[in-house]
Amino acid sequence: MVNCTVKNWDGQQVGEASIELAVAKEETAAHVVHRAVRRQMCNARQGTASTKTRSEVRGGGRKPWRQKGTGRARAGSIRSPLWRGGGVIFGPKPRDYRIKMNRKERRLALRTALMSRAEALVVVEDFGSKLSRPKTKELMGALNRWGVEPGEKVLLILCEREQNIYLSARNVPTIRMVGADKLNVYDLLLADKIVITPAGLEKIQEVYSD
């Protein structure tokens, strides 16, 4: 179980919240989380890189010069991989990079990654009503009051998408917003601080508890 202090809009401590999730054993945790990150990154690849072999390059059907008597090295095609404009040896071809991982193992890796970032968790009261209109400056000021340093990568976890928060944060490159039921291992590990509401914690407990 992880206990966290809850802060209000002004950065003052107003309560406590806790989260308890089953995690992987200490000796296998790093391996499980690594597999989940690798799977996520590989599955994001398009796999559309493609080069042409010597048989696919246009031209090169005629022998450029006779075999003997010229003093030059023998050559059978101007599209040889040794020539400029020729084919590519062992170049990439379209392929599927996807890696399979059992659902139970994926959820275990997610819970383990989240609980391992307990020190980076910042729990704040629901602040959607504090933003009467989209205002990036006000949101950044609140993050500063909550202990987020300038330039730190922030993962903002919300129970439900609120338009004013979304519009205030979407043009800040260091802020990544995600729903409490759509977490992923990569974002959890990449963030310097994880900002979440008590409702988001309850949603995570509900969705990801074993």
C-alpha atoms as a PDB file:
ATOM      1  CA  MET A   1       0.000   0.000   0.000  1.00  0.00           C
ATOM      2  CA  VAL A   2       1.148   3.507  -0.847  1.00  0.00           C
ATOM      3  CA  ASN A   3      -0.096   6.466   1.186  1.00  0.00           C
ATOM      4  CA  CYS A   4      -0.069   9.930  -0.420  1.00  0.00           C
ATOM      5  CA  THR A   5      -0.952  13.390   0.839  1.00  0.00           C
ATOM      6  CA  VAL A   6      -3.688  15.192  -1.064  1.00  0.00           C
ATOM      7  CA  LYS A   7      -3.073  18.822  -2.042  1.00  0.00           C
ATOM      8  CA  ASN A   8      -5.582  21.490  -2.989  1.00  0.00           C
ATOM      9  CA  TRP A   9      -5.400  24.056  -5.798  1.00  0.00           C
ATOM     10  CA  ASP A  10      -3.147  26.282  -3.675  1.00  0.00           C
ATOM     11  CA  GLY A  11      -0.694  23.470  -2.887  1.00  0.00           C
ATOM     12  CA  GLN A  12      -1.758  23.000   0.739  1.00  0.00           C
ATOM     13  CA  GLN A  13      -2.152  19.529   2.235  1.00  0.00           C
ATOM     14  CA  VAL A  14      -5.825  18.792   2.878  1.00  0.00           C
ATOM     15  CA  GLY A  15      -5.965  15.033   3.361  1.00  0.00           C
ATOM     16  CA  GLU A  16      -4.570  11.616   2.522  1.00  0.00           C
ATOM     17  CA  ALA A  17      -5.195   8.994  -0.116  1.00  0.00           C
ATOM     18  CA  SER A  18      -3.918   5.464  -0.585  1.00  0.00           C
ATOM     19  CA  ILE A  19      -3.561   2.947  -3.365  1.00  0.00           C
ATOM     20  CA  GLU A  20      -2.862  -0.760  -3.140  1.00  0.00           C
ATOM     21  CA  LEU A  21      -2.172  -2.922  -6.175  1.00  0.00           C
ATOM     22  CA  ALA A  22      -0.642  -6.378  -6.547  1.00  0.00           C
ATOM     23  CA  VAL A  23       2.837  -6.149  -8.085  1.00  0.00           C
ATOM     24  CA  ALA A  24       5.383  -8.593  -9.488  1.00  0.00           C
ATOM     25  CA  LYS A  25       7.951 -10.295  -7.282  1.00  0.00           C
ATOM     26  CA  GLU A  26      11.119  -8.292  -6.734  1.00  0.00           C
ATOM     27  CA  GLU A  27      13.313 -10.750  -8.632  1.00  0.00           C
ATOM     28  CA  THR A  28      11.086 -10.702 -11.759  1.00  0.00           C
ATOM     29  CA  ALA A  29       9.671  -7.155 -11.659  1.00  0.00           C
ATOM     30  CA  ALA A  30      12.351  -5.535 -13.819  1.00  0.00           C
ATOM     31  CA  HIS A  31      12.042  -8.265 -16.469  1.00  0.00           C
ATOM     32  CA  VAL A  32       8.248  -8.019 -16.670  1.00  0.00           C
ATOM     33  CA  VAL A  33       8.273  -4.208 -16.934  1.00  0.00           C
ATOM     34  CA  HIS A  34      11.060  -4.309 -19.548  1.00  0.00           C
ATOM     35  CA  ARG A  35       9.064  -6.737 -21.687  1.00  0.00           C
ATOM     36  CA  ALA A  36       5.997  -4.492 -21.473  1.00  0.00           C
ATOM     37  CA  VAL A  37       7.960  -1.382 -22.506  1.00  0.00           C
ATOM     38  CA  ARG A  38       9.630  -3.225 -25.375  1.00  0.00           C
ATOM     39  CA  ARG A  39       6.264  -4.545 -26.553  1.00  0.00           C
ATOM     40  CA  GLN A  40       4.702  -1.082 -26.481  1.00  0.00           C
ATOM     41  CA  MET A  41       7.561   0.516 -28.419  1.00  0.00           C
ATOM     42  CA  CYS A  42       7.747  -2.277 -31.001  1.00  0.00           C
ATOM     43  CA  ASN A  43       3.976  -2.265 -31.533  1.00  0.00           C
ATOM     44  CA  ALA A  44       4.135   1.468 -32.251  1.00  0.00           C
ATOM     45  CA  ARG A  45       6.486   0.915 -35.213  1.00  0.00           C
ATOM     46  CA  GLN A  46       4.921   1.124 -38.657  1.00  0.00           C
ATOM     47  CA  GLY A  47       7.345  -1.327 -40.243  1.00  0.00           C
ATOM     48  CA  THR A  48       7.049   0.341 -43.653  1.00  0.00           C
ATOM     49  CA  ALA A  49      10.754   0.975 -44.335  1.00  0.00           C
ATOM     50  CA  SER A  50      11.682  -0.538 -47.691  1.00  0.00           C
ATOM     51  CA  THR A  51      14.693  -0.577 -50.015  1.00  0.00           C
ATOM     52  CA  LYS A  52      15.136  -2.068 -53.492  1.00  0.00           C
ATOM     53  CA  THR A  53      17.368  -5.018 -54.291  1.00  0.00           C
ATOM     54  CA  ARG A  54      19.349  -5.164 -57.528  1.00  0.00           C
ATOM     55  CA  SER A  55      16.483  -7.030 -59.175  1.00  0.00           C
ATOM     56  CA  GLU A  56      14.003  -4.261 -58.309  1.00  0.00           C
ATOM     57  CA  VAL A  57      16.061  -1.224 -59.374  1.00  0.00           C
ATOM     58  CA  ARG A  58      15.088   0.141 -62.800  1.00  0.00           C
ATOM     59  CA  GLY A  59      17.613  -0.451 -65.593  1.00  0.00           C
ATOM     60  CA  GLY A  60      20.849  -2.402 -65.645  1.00  0.00           C
ATOM     61  CA  GLY A  61      19.769  -5.063 -68.112  1.00  0.00           C
ATOM     62  CA  ARG A  62      22.691  -4.593 -70.496  1.00  0.00           C
ATOM     63  CA  LYS A  63      26.273  -5.534 -69.695  1.00  0.00           C
ATOM     64  CA  PRO A  64      28.085  -2.145 -69.455  1.00  0.00           C
ATOM     65  CA  TRP A  65      31.222  -3.308 -71.317  1.00  0.00           C
ATOM     66  CA  ARG A  66      32.677  -6.493 -72.684  1.00  0.00           C
ATOM     67  CA  GLN A  67      34.141  -9.058 -70.310  1.00  0.00           C
ATOM     68  CA  LYS A  68      37.778  -8.864 -71.414  1.00  0.00           C
ATOM     69  CA  GLY A  69      40.202  -6.512 -73.048  1.00  0.00           C
ATOM     70  CA  THR A  70      39.187  -3.166 -71.555  1.00  0.00           C
ATOM     71  CA  GLY A  71      41.537  -3.181 -68.577  1.00  0.00           C
ATOM     72  CA  ARG A  72      38.626  -2.493 -66.242  1.00  0.00           C
ATOM     73  CA  ALA A  73      37.076  -4.806 -63.709  1.00  0.00           C
ATOM     74  CA  ARG A  74      34.440  -7.126 -65.102  1.00  0.00           C
ATOM     75  CA  ALA A  75      30.859  -5.920 -64.617  1.00  0.00           C
ATOM     76  CA  GLY A  76      27.533  -7.410 -65.574  1.00  0.00           C
ATOM     77  CA  SER A  77      25.112  -4.640 -64.561  1.00  0.00           C
ATOM     78  CA  ILE A  78      25.152  -0.950 -63.665  1.00  0.00           C
ATOM     79  CA  ARG A  79      22.658  -1.757 -60.887  1.00  0.00           C
ATOM     80  CA  SER A  80      25.074  -3.884 -58.879  1.00  0.00           C
ATOM     81  CA  PRO A  81      25.075  -3.025 -55.143  1.00  0.00           C
ATOM     82  CA  LEU A  82      28.694  -1.920 -55.616  1.00  0.00           C
ATOM     83  CA  TRP A  83      27.638   0.827 -57.989  1.00  0.00           C
ATOM     84  CA  ARG A  84      26.121   4.234 -57.260  1.00  0.00           C
ATOM     85  CA  GLY A  85      22.417   3.950 -58.026  1.00  0.00           C
ATOM     86  CA  GLY A  86      22.495   0.199 -57.585  1.00  0.00           C
ATOM     87  CA  GLY A  87      20.469  -2.055 -55.330  1.00  0.00           C
ATOM     88  CA  VAL A  88      20.833  -2.371 -51.556  1.00  0.00           C
ATOM     89  CA  ILE A  89      22.267  -5.466 -49.900  1.00  0.00           C
ATOM     90  CA  PHE A  90      20.196  -6.771 -46.951  1.00  0.00           C
ATOM     91  CA  GLY A  91      18.223  -3.516 -46.703  1.00  0.00           C
ATOM     92  CA  PRO A  92      14.978  -3.222 -44.717  1.00  0.00           C
ATOM     93  CA  LYS A  93      11.742  -4.582 -46.103  1.00  0.00           C
ATOM     94  CA  PRO A  94       8.192  -4.062 -44.782  1.00  0.00           C
ATOM     95  CA  ARG A  95       7.662  -6.277 -41.751  1.00  0.00           C
ATOM     96  CA  ASP A  96       5.529  -6.636 -38.649  1.00  0.00           C
ATOM     97  CA  TYR A  97       7.343  -5.691 -35.435  1.00  0.00           C
ATOM     98  CA  ARG A  98       4.476  -6.549 -33.081  1.00  0.00           C
ATOM     99  CA  ILE A  99       5.254  -8.568 -29.948  1.00  0.00           C
ATOM    100  CA  LYS A 100       2.649 -10.600 -28.114  1.00  0.00           C
ATOM    101  CA  MET A 101       2.271 -10.499 -24.338  1.00  0.00           C
ATOM    102  CA  ASN A 102      -0.409 -12.102 -22.201  1.00  0.00           C
ATOM    103  CA  ARG A 103      -3.067  -9.767 -20.812  1.00  0.00           C
ATOM    104  CA  LYS A 104      -2.390 -10.802 -17.225  1.00  0.00           C
ATOM    105  CA  GLU A 105       1.310 -10.131 -17.684  1.00  0.00           C
ATOM    106  CA  ARG A 106       0.621  -6.716 -19.254  1.00  0.00           C
ATOM    107  CA  ARG A 107      -1.586  -5.691 -16.346  1.00  0.00           C
ATOM    108  CA  LEU A 108       0.985  -6.976 -13.853  1.00  0.00           C
ATOM    109  CA  ALA A 109       3.687  -4.890 -15.539  1.00  0.00           C
ATOM    110  CA  LEU A 110       1.452  -1.807 -15.467  1.00  0.00           C
ATOM    111  CA  ARG A 111       0.673  -2.200 -11.760  1.00  0.00           C
ATOM    112  CA  THR A 112       4.340  -2.790 -10.965  1.00  0.00           C
ATOM    113  CA  ALA A 113       5.424   0.295 -12.937  1.00  0.00           C
ATOM    114  CA  LEU A 114       2.818   2.472 -11.234  1.00  0.00           C
ATOM    115  CA  MET A 115       3.658   1.331  -7.710  1.00  0.00           C
ATOM    116  CA  SER A 116       7.377   1.766  -8.406  1.00  0.00           C
ATOM    117  CA  ARG A 117       6.726   5.474  -9.120  1.00  0.00           C
ATOM    118  CA  ALA A 118       5.149   6.097  -5.711  1.00  0.00           C
ATOM    119  CA  GLU A 119       7.689   8.818  -4.870  1.00  0.00           C
ATOM    120  CA  ALA A 120       6.733  10.731  -8.028  1.00  0.00           C
ATOM    121  CA  LEU A 121       2.975  10.655  -7.322  1.00  0.00           C
ATOM    122  CA  VAL A 122       1.325  14.024  -6.671  1.00  0.00           C
ATOM    123  CA  VAL A 123      -2.316  13.673  -5.593  1.00  0.00           C
ATOM    124  CA  VAL A 124      -4.422  16.827  -5.949  1.00  0.00           C
ATOM    125  CA  GLU A 125      -8.081  17.598  -5.433  1.00  0.00           C
ATOM    126  CA  ASP A 126     -10.276  17.761  -8.506  1.00  0.00           C
ATOM    127  CA  PHE A 127      -9.364  21.126 -10.016  1.00  0.00           C
ATOM    128  CA  GLY A 128     -11.544  21.220 -13.111  1.00  0.00           C
ATOM    129  CA  SER A 129     -13.834  23.833 -11.552  1.00  0.00           C
ATOM    130  CA  LYS A 130     -10.855  26.071 -10.743  1.00  0.00           C
ATOM    131  CA  LEU A 131     -10.310  26.758 -14.432  1.00  0.00           C
ATOM    132  CA  SER A 132     -13.293  28.826 -15.548  1.00  0.00           C
ATOM    133  CA  ARG A 133     -11.727  29.020 -18.995  1.00  0.00           C
ATOM    134  CA  PRO A 134      -8.690  27.494 -20.704  1.00  0.00           C
ATOM    135  CA  LYS A 135      -5.610  29.207 -19.266  1.00  0.00           C
ATOM    136  CA  THR A 136      -2.176  27.609 -19.584  1.00  0.00           C
ATOM    137  CA  LYS A 137      -0.543  30.125 -17.234  1.00  0.00           C
ATOM    138  CA  GLU A 138      -2.903  29.219 -14.376  1.00  0.00           C
ATOM    139  CA  LEU A 139      -2.355  25.499 -14.854  1.00  0.00           C
ATOM    140  CA  MET A 140       1.435  25.921 -14.917  1.00  0.00           C
ATOM    141  CA  GLY A 141       1.249  28.012 -11.746  1.00  0.00           C
ATOM    142  CA  ALA A 142      -0.745  25.251 -10.039  1.00  0.00           C
ATOM    143  CA  LEU A 143       1.793  22.620 -11.104  1.00  0.00           C
ATOM    144  CA  ASN A 144       4.536  24.767  -9.610  1.00  0.00           C
ATOM    145  CA  ARG A 145       2.619  24.981  -6.318  1.00  0.00           C
ATOM    146  CA  TRP A 146       2.245  21.204  -6.330  1.00  0.00           C
ATOM    147  CA  GLY A 147       6.017  20.738  -6.484  1.00  0.00           C
ATOM    148  CA  VAL A 148       6.582  20.308 -10.220  1.00  0.00           C
ATOM    149  CA  GLU A 149       9.812  22.010 -11.297  1.00  0.00           C
ATOM    150  CA  PRO A 150      10.012  23.888 -14.632  1.00  0.00           C
ATOM    151  CA  GLY A 151      11.027  21.558 -17.449  1.00  0.00           C
ATOM    152  CA  GLU A 152       9.999  18.357 -15.660  1.00  0.00           C
ATOM    153  CA  LYS A 153       7.919  15.868 -17.646  1.00  0.00           C
ATOM    154  CA  VAL A 154       4.441  15.578 -16.144  1.00  0.00           C
ATOM    155  CA  LEU A 155       1.928  12.772 -16.630  1.00  0.00           C
ATOM    156  CA  LEU A 156      -1.526  14.157 -15.833  1.00  0.00           C
ATOM    157  CA  ILE A 157      -3.961  11.344 -15.022  1.00  0.00           C
ATOM    158  CA  LEU A 158      -7.638  12.320 -15.005  1.00  0.00           C
ATOM    159  CA  CYS A 159     -10.691  10.229 -14.237  1.00  0.00           C
ATOM    160  CA  GLU A 160     -12.627  11.950 -17.006  1.00  0.00           C
ATOM    161  CA  ARG A 161     -11.485  14.328 -19.717  1.00  0.00           C
ATOM    162  CA  GLU A 162     -12.305  17.939 -18.831  1.00  0.00           C
ATOM    163  CA  GLN A 163     -12.202  20.372 -21.713  1.00  0.00           C
ATOM    164  CA  ASN A 164     -10.678  23.343 -19.860  1.00  0.00           C
ATOM    165  CA  ILE A 165      -7.839  21.231 -18.477  1.00  0.00           C
ATOM    166  CA  TYR A 166      -7.227  19.639 -21.880  1.00  0.00           C
ATOM    167  CA  LEU A 167      -7.122  22.988 -23.685  1.00  0.00           C
ATOM    168  CA  SER A 168      -4.854  24.489 -21.006  1.00  0.00           C
ATOM    169  CA  ALA A 169      -2.312  21.683 -21.194  1.00  0.00           C
ATOM    170  CA  ARG A 170      -2.295  20.563 -24.826  1.00  0.00           C
ATOM    171  CA  ASN A 171       0.257  23.157 -26.002  1.00  0.00           C
ATOM    172  CA  VAL A 172       2.779  22.365 -23.232  1.00  0.00           C
ATOM    173  CA  PRO A 173       5.276  19.815 -24.609  1.00  0.00           C
ATOM    174  CA  THR A 174       6.261  18.527 -21.152  1.00  0.00           C
ATOM    175  CA  ILE A 175       2.687  17.607 -20.150  1.00  0.00           C
ATOM    176  CA  ARG A 176       1.115  14.341 -21.216  1.00  0.00           C
ATOM    177  CA  MET A 177      -2.551  13.720 -20.355  1.00  0.00           C
ATOM    178  CA  VAL A 178      -4.118  10.280 -20.127  1.00  0.00           C
ATOM    179  CA  GLY A 179      -7.310   8.762 -18.737  1.00  0.00           C
ATOM    180  CA  ALA A 180      -7.112   6.677 -15.561  1.00  0.00           C
ATOM    181  CA  ASP A 181      -8.407   3.656 -17.496  1.00  0.00           C
ATOM    182  CA  LYS A 182      -5.930   4.092 -20.375  1.00  0.00           C
ATOM    183  CA  LEU A 183      -2.560   3.985 -18.616  1.00  0.00           C
ATOM    184  CA  ASN A 184       0.549   2.602 -20.262  1.00  0.00           C
ATOM    185  CA  VAL A 185       3.921   1.547 -18.889  1.00  0.00           C
ATOM    186  CA  TYR A 186       6.044   3.815 -21.094  1.00  0.00           C
ATOM    187  CA  ASP A 187       4.366   7.068 -19.996  1.00  0.00           C
ATOM    188  CA  LEU A 188       4.479   6.040 -16.325  1.00  0.00           C
ATOM    189  CA  LEU A 189       8.237   5.454 -16.477  1.00  0.00           C
ATOM    190  CA  LEU A 190       9.028   8.475 -18.654  1.00  0.00           C
ATOM    191  CA  ALA A 191       7.368  11.091 -16.443  1.00  0.00           C
ATOM    192  CA  ASP A 192       9.284  12.954 -13.743  1.00  0.00           C
ATOM    193  CA  LYS A 193       6.059  13.662 -11.830  1.00  0.00           C
ATOM    194  CA  ILE A 194       2.688  11.931 -11.976  1.00  0.00           C
ATOM    195  CA  VAL A 195      -0.232  14.218 -11.087  1.00  0.00           C
ATOM    196  CA  ILE A 196      -3.495  12.458 -10.295  1.00  0.00           C
ATOM    197  CA  THR A 197      -6.786  13.194  -8.557  1.00  0.00           C
ATOM    198  CA  PRO A 198      -8.333  11.020  -5.796  1.00  0.00           C
ATOM    199  CA  ALA A 199     -11.067  10.049  -8.259  1.00  0.00           C
ATOM    200  CA  GLY A 200      -8.346   8.921 -10.658  1.00  0.00           C
ATOM    201  CA  LEU A 201      -6.785   6.784  -7.937  1.00  0.00           C
ATOM    202  CA  GLU A 202     -10.137   5.140  -7.258  1.00  0.00           C
ATOM    203  CA  LYS A 203     -10.612   4.498 -10.973  1.00  0.00           C
ATOM    204  CA  ILE A 204      -7.166   2.891 -11.232  1.00  0.00           C
ATOM    205  CA  GLN A 205      -7.921   0.740  -8.179  1.00  0.00           C
ATOM    206  CA  GLU A 206     -11.205  -0.316  -9.779  1.00  0.00           C
ATOM    207  CA  VAL A 207      -9.861  -1.027 -13.274  1.00  0.00           C
ATOM    208  CA  TYR A 208      -6.455  -2.563 -12.531  1.00  0.00           C
ATOM    209  CA  SER A 209      -6.945  -4.367  -9.207  1.00  0.00           C
ATOM    210  CA  ASP A 210      -6.514  -8.125  -9.516  1.00  0.00           C
END
